Amino acid sequence: MDACRAFFYRVKLYLTALGKWVALAVVTGFCCGILGALFHMGVELATEYRTGHPWLLWLLPAAGLAIVGLYKLTRTEGQGTNDIIDVVHLGKGLSIWLLPTIFFSTLLTHLCGGSAGREGAALQMGGDIGYHMGMMFQMDDRDIRTATLCGMSAFFSALFGTPLTATVFAIVVVSIGVLYHAAFIPCLVGSLTAYWVSLELGVEPTRFAVAAPELDAAMMARVAVLGALCALVSILFCNSIHYLQRALTKCLPNPWVRAAVGGCAVIVLTFLCGTGDYNGAGMEVIVRAVEGGAARPESFLLKILFTAVTLGAGFKGGEVVPSFFVGATFGCWMGPLLGIPAAFGAALGLVSVFCGAVNCPIASIFLSIELFGAGGMLYFALSCGISYMLSGYNGLYSSQTILYSKLKAQYINAKANEYHAGQIWEEEE
């Protein structure tokens, strides 16, 4: 009799947990799907309007001032993606005002020509929604952290139409080397729900048509070299962003002045380049590189510069789509020099630079499948693996924890960007 009671108690325990997480994930995914679709449409409209009205670039300094004022008004200054990661690590709280603040600030950045993506806003808005959903469901501290991951994955899925990538990315990006298995079902159900809602609201998932070469040893060797070069590009990308953020904050500690000066700098850079390719997210340039095999050799360097200045000055957005731009244009240019078709080189570069920047090889492989199909999966896996290993302990998110060495099976528990590679190597020897 006691054994039966224990059995039914365990059944009830698991079914209750499953029901709780499915309910939270569906509600969170529904909210993230609606807001994600609205955000996607807003960014698209802002980009389209700016393209048709180039004079809006002149308003970028004013947009920067408005963003600073909005953050001060809502008392969310300094909050960003690293704070979302800290919710999972440390159980820190989040203000509900971060949601509308990052929403409108990112739209302003895109409307006036700042160089930024949208996934940073997605992770912040999704994490904020997930956090407050957990509060609404009266969950404890640990479950609220999982709810935060659920929101992050759902909003990411709604924007890019990549539910599997969004699921895996959310449960691995926080602590590299640990997979939050308990968050898998909440994140997957939330991602699928948000994906379905965004599709119903007319958001087309991001997809590219790219032909992968036949599997060949010589091509594998070329792809490996490109992966190594993409690791170097990802290091340059991450360090440029962090360096300019620190430098501009030190030289211009007043956020109002920093935003105005940064906006003026982007205007000057745009006119010096003679093109608006580096303003906004630059998705049209990515499409040209991946599907048309066309990119200028200097494009990846200029995008790094534009993005670093924009984000360093205090404008809002994200770094992932710019990393797509940098990787795609670099791969499109470097690929043919290595004997790789330009379009396929762009696809490899897009995923590999992203991998090196976020330190998530498995999520990057899933991203390659959802964006480009499974035809070149082994090539993408090799390129991502090499980029991950050789990119060192750099990363876009300073709150990200890298728990295990990239060189040997050793626990190091290092923060991304916190230690110099030489210090870690000394510990690993």
Protein backbone atom coordinates (compact mmCIF):
# COMPACT_ATOMS: atom_id res chain seq x y z
CA MET A 1 0.00 0.00 0.00
CA ASP A 2 2.83 2.38 0.88
CA ALA A 3 4.53 1.52 -2.41
CA CYS A 4 1.35 2.39 -4.34
CA ARG A 5 1.00 5.70 -2.54
CA ALA A 6 4.65 6.51 -3.25
CA PHE A 7 4.18 5.60 -6.92
CA PHE A 8 1.10 7.78 -7.37
CA TYR A 9 2.78 10.59 -5.46
CA ARG A 10 5.68 10.52 -7.92
CA VAL A 11 3.29 10.44 -10.86
CA LYS A 12 1.41 13.43 -9.46
CA LEU A 13 4.68 15.25 -8.83
CA TYR A 14 5.90 14.87 -12.41
CA LEU A 15 2.52 15.59 -14.00
CA THR A 16 2.10 18.69 -11.84
CA ALA A 17 5.53 19.95 -12.84
CA LEU A 18 4.84 19.27 -16.51
CA GLY A 19 1.46 20.99 -16.37
CA LYS A 20 2.93 23.99 -14.54
CA TRP A 21 5.73 24.49 -17.09
CA VAL A 22 3.56 23.91 -20.15
CA ALA A 23 1.02 26.43 -18.85
CA LEU A 24 3.69 29.05 -18.14
CA ALA A 25 5.46 28.38 -21.45
CA VAL A 26 2.29 28.70 -23.51
CA VAL A 27 1.30 31.98 -21.84
CA THR A 28 4.84 33.33 -22.08
CA GLY A 29 5.21 32.18 -25.68
CA PHE A 30 1.88 33.77 -26.61
CA CYS A 31 2.89 37.12 -25.12
CA CYS A 32 6.36 36.96 -26.63
CA GLY A 33 4.91 35.95 -30.01
CA ILE A 34 2.60 38.97 -30.12
CA LEU A 35 5.18 41.46 -28.86
CA GLY A 36 7.90 39.84 -30.98
CA ALA A 37 5.78 40.18 -34.10
CA LEU A 38 5.00 43.82 -33.29
CA PHE A 39 8.68 44.48 -32.64
CA HIS A 40 9.72 42.78 -35.89
CA MET A 41 7.18 44.81 -37.86
CA GLY A 42 8.27 47.97 -36.10
CA VAL A 43 11.94 47.43 -36.97
CA GLU A 44 11.04 46.58 -40.57
CA LEU A 45 8.88 49.69 -40.91
CA ALA A 46 11.54 51.86 -39.29
CA THR A 47 14.19 50.49 -41.67
CA GLU A 48 11.95 50.94 -44.70
CA TYR A 49 11.02 54.48 -43.72
CA ARG A 50 14.66 55.43 -43.08
CA THR A 51 15.68 54.01 -46.44
CA GLY A 52 13.06 56.15 -48.14
CA HIS A 53 13.93 59.23 -46.09
CA PRO A 54 17.76 59.40 -45.74
CA TRP A 55 17.52 62.75 -43.93
CA LEU A 56 16.47 60.84 -40.79
CA LEU A 57 20.14 60.05 -40.23
CA TRP A 58 20.60 63.69 -39.18
CA LEU A 59 18.26 63.03 -36.24
CA LEU A 60 20.46 60.26 -34.80
CA PRO A 61 22.04 62.51 -32.11
CA ALA A 62 18.56 63.63 -31.04
CA ALA A 63 17.44 59.99 -30.96
CA GLY A 64 20.38 59.25 -28.67
CA LEU A 65 19.30 61.99 -26.30
CA ALA A 66 15.74 60.65 -26.33
CA ILE A 67 17.02 57.15 -25.48
CA VAL A 68 19.06 58.45 -22.54
CA GLY A 69 16.04 60.40 -21.32
CA LEU A 70 13.75 57.37 -21.65
CA TYR A 71 16.10 55.19 -19.60
CA LYS A 72 16.41 57.85 -16.92
CA LEU A 73 12.64 58.37 -16.85
CA THR A 74 12.02 54.65 -16.32
CA ARG A 75 15.02 54.28 -13.98
CA THR A 76 16.49 51.44 -16.04
CA GLU A 77 19.87 53.05 -16.82
CA GLY A 78 22.62 50.56 -17.42
CA GLN A 79 20.33 47.53 -17.66
CA GLY A 80 20.94 45.22 -20.59
CA THR A 81 21.45 41.63 -21.71
CA ASN A 82 24.07 41.01 -19.02
CA ASP A 83 21.42 41.77 -16.39
CA ILE A 84 19.10 39.17 -17.93
CA ILE A 85 21.91 36.60 -17.64
CA ASP A 86 22.46 37.67 -14.03
CA VAL A 87 18.82 36.92 -13.27
CA VAL A 88 19.56 33.27 -14.08
CA HIS A 89 22.94 33.28 -12.31
CA LEU A 90 22.14 35.32 -9.22
CA GLY A 91 18.36 35.69 -9.04
CA LYS A 92 18.49 39.47 -9.54
CA GLY A 93 15.23 41.29 -10.11
CA LEU A 94 14.08 43.08 -13.26
CA SER A 95 11.98 46.19 -13.73
CA ILE A 96 8.88 45.78 -15.90
CA TRP A 97 9.73 49.19 -17.36
CA LEU A 98 12.70 47.65 -19.16
CA LEU A 99 10.24 46.10 -21.63
CA PRO A 100 8.80 49.29 -23.20
CA THR A 101 12.11 51.12 -22.77
CA ILE A 102 14.21 48.72 -24.85
CA PHE A 103 11.33 48.30 -27.34
CA PHE A 104 11.10 51.98 -28.25
CA SER A 105 14.81 52.68 -27.85
CA THR A 106 15.69 50.00 -30.40
CA LEU A 107 13.08 51.31 -32.83
CA LEU A 108 14.56 54.81 -32.49
CA THR A 109 18.06 53.47 -33.14
CA HIS A 110 16.93 51.73 -36.34
CA LEU A 111 14.73 54.61 -37.49
CA CYS A 112 17.61 57.08 -37.38
CA GLY A 113 20.36 54.86 -38.75
CA GLY A 114 22.26 53.47 -35.76
CA SER A 115 24.13 50.24 -36.51
CA ALA A 116 22.57 47.59 -34.27
CA GLY A 117 20.62 44.38 -34.38
CA ARG A 118 17.47 43.36 -32.59
CA GLU A 119 18.23 40.17 -30.65
CA GLY A 120 19.70 42.09 -27.70
CA ALA A 121 16.32 43.72 -27.32
CA ALA A 122 14.68 40.33 -27.86
CA LEU A 123 16.63 38.66 -25.06
CA GLN A 124 15.94 41.57 -22.73
CA MET A 125 12.23 41.82 -23.51
CA GLY A 126 11.77 38.06 -23.47
CA GLY A 127 13.69 37.66 -20.25
CA ASP A 128 11.68 40.46 -18.65
CA ILE A 129 8.40 38.85 -19.73
CA GLY A 130 9.51 35.42 -18.50
CA TYR A 131 10.66 36.84 -15.17
CA HIS A 132 7.36 38.59 -14.48
CA MET A 133 5.37 35.57 -15.68
CA GLY A 134 7.21 33.53 -13.09
CA MET A 135 6.30 36.14 -10.49
CA MET A 136 2.67 36.07 -11.63
CA PHE A 137 2.60 32.25 -11.35
CA GLN A 138 4.00 32.68 -7.80
CA MET A 139 7.07 30.58 -8.51
CA ASP A 140 10.07 30.33 -6.23
CA ASP A 141 13.46 31.84 -7.01
CA ARG A 142 14.84 28.86 -8.94
CA ASP A 143 11.74 28.47 -11.09
CA ILE A 144 11.71 32.20 -11.86
CA ARG A 145 15.20 31.78 -13.32
CA THR A 146 13.89 29.02 -15.59
CA ALA A 147 10.90 31.20 -16.53
CA THR A 148 13.37 33.91 -17.54
CA LEU A 149 15.11 31.48 -19.91
CA CYS A 150 11.71 30.51 -21.32
CA GLY A 151 10.97 34.14 -22.18
CA MET A 152 14.40 34.64 -23.75
CA SER A 153 13.97 31.65 -26.05
CA ALA A 154 10.37 32.54 -26.96
CA PHE A 155 11.14 36.10 -28.04
CA PHE A 156 14.23 34.98 -29.99
CA SER A 157 12.08 32.39 -31.78
CA ALA A 158 9.39 34.93 -32.62
CA LEU A 159 11.92 37.29 -34.23
CA PHE A 160 14.03 34.86 -36.24
CA GLY A 161 11.67 31.93 -36.77
CA THR A 162 14.24 29.48 -35.37
CA PRO A 163 12.54 27.70 -32.43
CA LEU A 164 15.12 24.94 -31.98
CA THR A 165 18.05 27.35 -32.06
CA ALA A 166 16.25 29.66 -29.65
CA THR A 167 15.63 26.79 -27.23
CA VAL A 168 19.21 25.52 -27.22
CA PHE A 169 20.71 29.02 -27.20
CA ALA A 170 18.75 30.07 -24.11
CA ILE A 171 19.72 27.00 -22.07
CA VAL A 172 23.43 27.10 -22.94
CA VAL A 173 24.38 30.79 -23.34
CA VAL A 174 24.22 31.60 -19.63
CA SER A 175 26.82 29.07 -18.46
CA ILE A 176 29.01 27.53 -21.16
CA GLY A 177 29.60 23.89 -20.26
CA VAL A 178 26.26 23.39 -18.49
CA LEU A 179 22.99 22.52 -20.19
CA TYR A 180 19.94 23.56 -18.18
CA HIS A 181 17.99 20.37 -18.88
CA ALA A 182 15.15 21.36 -16.55
CA ALA A 183 14.53 24.38 -18.79
CA PHE A 184 14.33 22.38 -22.02
CA ILE A 185 10.56 21.75 -22.08
CA PRO A 186 9.62 25.29 -20.91
CA CYS A 187 11.95 26.84 -23.49
CA LEU A 188 10.88 24.51 -26.31
CA VAL A 189 7.15 24.93 -25.68
CA GLY A 190 7.57 28.70 -25.31
CA SER A 191 9.62 28.90 -28.51
CA LEU A 192 7.15 26.82 -30.52
CA THR A 193 4.20 28.85 -29.21
CA ALA A 194 5.89 32.17 -30.02
CA TYR A 195 6.93 30.86 -33.45
CA TRP A 196 3.37 29.83 -34.26
CA VAL A 197 1.91 33.15 -33.06
CA SER A 198 4.46 35.17 -35.07
CA LEU A 199 3.70 33.13 -38.20
CA GLU A 200 -0.03 33.74 -37.73
CA LEU A 201 0.68 37.47 -37.44
CA GLY A 202 2.60 37.49 -40.73
CA VAL A 203 6.25 37.37 -39.63
CA GLU A 204 8.25 35.41 -42.17
CA PRO A 205 10.97 33.20 -40.63
CA THR A 206 14.56 33.98 -41.63
CA ARG A 207 15.66 31.48 -44.29
CA PHE A 208 18.34 31.43 -46.99
CA ALA A 209 18.76 29.35 -50.14
CA VAL A 210 22.37 28.14 -50.24
CA ALA A 211 23.83 25.13 -52.05
CA ALA A 212 26.40 23.18 -50.03
CA PRO A 213 29.33 21.52 -51.86
CA GLU A 214 29.64 17.75 -51.92
CA LEU A 215 31.40 16.29 -48.90
CA ASP A 216 35.10 16.28 -49.72
CA ALA A 217 38.32 16.10 -47.67
CA ALA A 218 39.94 19.04 -49.46
CA MET A 219 36.83 21.17 -48.94
CA MET A 220 36.81 20.15 -45.27
CA ALA A 221 40.36 21.46 -44.92
CA ARG A 222 39.39 24.77 -46.54
CA VAL A 223 36.36 25.08 -44.28
CA ALA A 224 38.57 24.44 -41.25
CA VAL A 225 40.85 27.30 -42.26
CA LEU A 226 37.85 29.59 -42.73
CA GLY A 227 36.60 28.57 -39.26
CA ALA A 228 39.95 29.55 -37.75
CA LEU A 229 39.85 32.92 -39.49
CA CYS A 230 36.27 33.47 -38.32
CA ALA A 231 37.47 32.92 -34.74
CA LEU A 232 39.89 35.83 -35.19
CA VAL A 233 37.13 37.98 -36.68
CA SER A 234 34.84 37.18 -33.73
CA ILE A 235 37.61 38.21 -31.31
CA LEU A 236 38.03 41.49 -33.20
CA PHE A 237 34.27 42.04 -33.20
CA CYS A 238 33.76 41.42 -29.46
CA ASN A 239 36.85 43.30 -28.33
CA SER A 240 36.09 46.30 -30.56
CA ILE A 241 32.62 46.64 -29.02
CA HIS A 242 33.87 46.29 -25.45
CA TYR A 243 36.86 48.57 -26.01
CA LEU A 244 34.83 51.41 -27.52
CA GLN A 245 32.18 51.10 -24.80
CA ARG A 246 34.86 51.51 -22.13
CA ALA A 247 36.73 54.22 -24.03
CA LEU A 248 33.67 56.33 -24.77
CA THR A 249 32.39 55.96 -21.21
CA LYS A 250 35.77 57.05 -19.84
CA CYS A 251 36.24 59.97 -22.26
CA LEU A 252 32.59 61.07 -22.20
CA PRO A 253 31.16 60.08 -18.80
CA ASN A 254 28.05 62.20 -19.31
CA PRO A 255 25.55 59.90 -21.12
CA TRP A 256 23.81 62.83 -22.84
CA VAL A 257 27.06 64.06 -24.36
CA ARG A 258 28.14 60.52 -25.24
CA ALA A 259 24.90 59.81 -27.12
CA ALA A 260 25.06 63.09 -29.06
CA VAL A 261 28.73 62.70 -29.98
CA GLY A 262 28.23 59.05 -30.93
CA GLY A 263 25.29 59.96 -33.16
CA CYS A 264 27.38 62.61 -34.90
CA ALA A 265 30.22 60.09 -35.35
CA VAL A 266 27.88 57.64 -37.10
CA ILE A 267 26.68 60.44 -39.41
CA VAL A 268 30.28 61.32 -40.33
CA LEU A 269 31.19 57.67 -40.90
CA THR A 270 28.14 57.20 -43.14
CA PHE A 271 29.08 60.12 -45.36
CA LEU A 272 32.71 59.04 -45.50
CA CYS A 273 31.64 55.58 -46.68
CA GLY A 274 29.14 57.01 -49.16
CA THR A 275 26.58 54.29 -48.45
CA GLY A 276 23.90 53.41 -45.92
CA ASP A 277 24.81 49.70 -45.96
CA TYR A 278 26.23 49.91 -42.45
CA ASN A 279 23.28 51.67 -40.84
CA GLY A 280 20.58 49.62 -39.17
CA ALA A 281 20.81 45.83 -39.05
CA GLY A 282 21.96 45.43 -42.66
CA MET A 283 19.85 42.38 -43.51
CA GLU A 284 19.83 43.32 -47.20
CA VAL A 285 23.64 43.13 -47.24
CA ILE A 286 23.51 39.72 -45.54
CA VAL A 287 21.07 38.46 -48.17
CA ARG A 288 23.32 39.76 -50.97
CA ALA A 289 26.31 37.96 -49.50
CA VAL A 290 24.61 34.65 -48.71
CA GLU A 291 22.32 34.31 -51.72
CA GLY A 292 24.16 36.46 -54.27
CA GLY A 293 27.75 35.80 -53.26
CA ALA A 294 28.57 39.53 -53.38
CA ALA A 295 30.30 41.57 -50.67
CA ARG A 296 32.97 44.25 -50.54
CA PRO A 297 36.24 43.19 -48.82
CA GLU A 298 36.11 46.03 -46.30
CA SER A 299 32.45 45.53 -45.36
CA PHE A 300 33.05 43.39 -42.27
CA LEU A 301 35.55 45.88 -40.81
CA LEU A 302 33.28 48.86 -41.39
CA LYS A 303 30.31 47.07 -39.82
CA ILE A 304 32.40 46.33 -36.73
CA LEU A 305 33.32 50.02 -36.50
CA PHE A 306 29.76 51.29 -37.01
CA THR A 307 28.33 48.82 -34.47
CA ALA A 308 30.99 49.53 -31.86
CA VAL A 309 30.43 53.29 -32.12
CA THR A 310 26.63 52.93 -32.02
CA LEU A 311 26.47 50.63 -29.00
CA GLY A 312 29.35 52.35 -27.23
CA ALA A 313 27.53 55.68 -27.47
CA GLY A 314 24.50 54.23 -25.68
CA PHE A 315 22.15 53.42 -28.56
CA LYS A 316 20.12 50.24 -28.17
CA GLY A 317 19.77 47.10 -30.22
CA GLY A 318 21.78 43.94 -30.36
CA GLU A 319 25.04 42.48 -31.52
CA VAL A 320 23.91 39.18 -33.07
CA VAL A 321 22.58 40.49 -36.41
CA PRO A 322 25.71 42.67 -36.79
CA SER A 323 27.74 39.51 -36.14
CA PHE A 324 25.73 37.85 -38.94
CA PHE A 325 26.63 40.80 -41.19
CA VAL A 326 30.32 40.66 -40.24
CA GLY A 327 30.53 36.89 -40.68
CA ALA A 328 28.59 36.77 -43.94
CA THR A 329 30.57 39.55 -45.64
CA PHE A 330 33.89 38.21 -44.36
CA GLY A 331 33.08 34.66 -45.48
CA CYS A 332 31.82 35.87 -48.85
CA TRP A 333 35.13 37.67 -49.46
CA MET A 334 37.51 35.14 -47.92
CA GLY A 335 35.74 31.99 -49.13
CA PRO A 336 36.74 32.26 -52.82
CA LEU A 337 40.36 33.00 -51.78
CA LEU A 338 40.34 29.61 -50.04
CA GLY A 339 38.54 27.83 -52.87
CA ILE A 340 35.09 27.90 -51.22
CA PRO A 341 32.09 29.17 -53.23
CA ALA A 342 31.34 32.77 -52.19
CA ALA A 343 27.73 32.17 -51.14
CA PHE A 344 28.58 29.08 -49.10
CA GLY A 345 31.55 30.90 -47.57
CA ALA A 346 29.14 33.66 -46.51
CA ALA A 347 26.86 31.10 -44.86
CA LEU A 348 29.80 29.50 -43.06
CA GLY A 349 31.09 32.90 -41.96
CA LEU A 350 27.70 34.01 -40.67
CA VAL A 351 27.33 31.01 -38.37
CA SER A 352 30.99 30.72 -37.36
CA VAL A 353 31.49 34.35 -36.31
CA PHE A 354 28.22 34.13 -34.36
CA CYS A 355 29.54 30.97 -32.69
CA GLY A 356 32.83 32.59 -31.72
CA ALA A 357 31.04 35.65 -30.36
CA VAL A 358 28.49 33.83 -28.18
CA ASN A 359 30.51 30.65 -27.37
CA CYS A 360 27.61 28.35 -28.27
CA PRO A 361 28.71 25.73 -30.86
CA ILE A 362 25.70 23.41 -30.54
CA ALA A 363 23.21 26.27 -30.84
CA SER A 364 25.20 27.56 -33.83
CA ILE A 365 24.96 24.20 -35.60
CA PHE A 366 21.19 24.18 -35.06
CA LEU A 367 21.11 27.75 -36.39
CA SER A 368 22.86 26.62 -39.59
CA ILE A 369 20.26 23.88 -40.08
CA GLU A 370 17.29 26.19 -39.52
CA LEU A 371 18.70 28.97 -41.71
CA PHE A 372 20.35 26.99 -44.52
CA GLY A 373 19.05 23.40 -44.31
CA ALA A 374 20.88 20.25 -43.26
CA GLY A 375 22.81 19.72 -46.49
CA GLY A 376 26.09 21.21 -45.29
CA MET A 377 25.73 20.31 -41.62
CA LEU A 378 29.14 18.62 -41.30
CA TYR A 379 30.89 21.62 -42.83
CA PHE A 380 29.06 23.97 -40.45
CA ALA A 381 29.83 21.73 -37.47
CA LEU A 382 33.56 21.73 -38.27
CA SER A 383 33.72 25.47 -38.85
CA CYS A 384 31.74 26.25 -35.67
CA GLY A 385 33.80 23.87 -33.56
CA ILE A 386 37.08 25.44 -34.66
CA SER A 387 35.73 28.97 -34.26
CA TYR A 388 34.52 28.15 -30.75
CA MET A 389 37.84 26.64 -29.68
CA LEU A 390 40.10 29.30 -31.17
CA SER A 391 38.02 32.33 -30.14
CA GLY A 392 39.34 31.91 -26.61
CA TYR A 393 37.46 33.29 -23.63
CA ASN A 394 36.11 36.34 -25.41
CA GLY A 395 32.41 36.93 -25.86
CA LEU A 396 29.63 39.43 -26.37
CA TYR A 397 28.18 38.97 -22.87
CA SER A 398 30.46 39.69 -19.92
CA SER A 399 28.04 38.01 -17.50
CA GLN A 400 28.37 34.75 -19.41
CA THR A 401 30.22 32.09 -17.42
CA ILE A 402 32.59 29.66 -19.15
CA LEU A 403 32.75 26.76 -16.74
CA TYR A 404 35.12 24.44 -18.59
CA SER A 405 38.36 25.04 -20.44
CA LYS A 406 38.34 25.10 -24.22
CA LEU A 407 41.70 23.34 -24.23
CA LYS A 408 41.18 20.41 -21.87
CA ALA A 409 38.51 18.77 -19.70
CA GLN A 410 39.12 21.10 -16.78
CA TYR A 411 36.80 23.21 -14.65
CA ILE A 412 37.84 26.89 -14.74
CA ASN A 413 34.62 28.86 -13.97
CA ALA A 414 35.75 32.01 -15.81
CA LYS A 415 33.65 34.97 -16.84
CA ALA A 416 33.80 35.81 -20.54
CA ASN A 417 36.24 38.70 -21.12
CA GLU A 418 37.27 38.67 -17.45
CA TYR A 419 40.65 36.97 -17.67
CA HIS A 420 43.48 37.33 -20.11
CA ALA A 421 44.01 34.18 -22.12
CA GLY A 422 47.56 33.87 -20.78
CA GLN A 423 46.33 33.72 -17.18
CA ILE A 424 43.87 30.96 -18.03
CA TRP A 425 46.54 29.03 -19.92
CA GLU A 426 48.79 29.18 -16.88
CA GLU A 427 45.98 27.73 -14.76
CA GLU A 428 45.37 24.99 -17.31
CA GLU A 429 48.99 23.85 -17.59
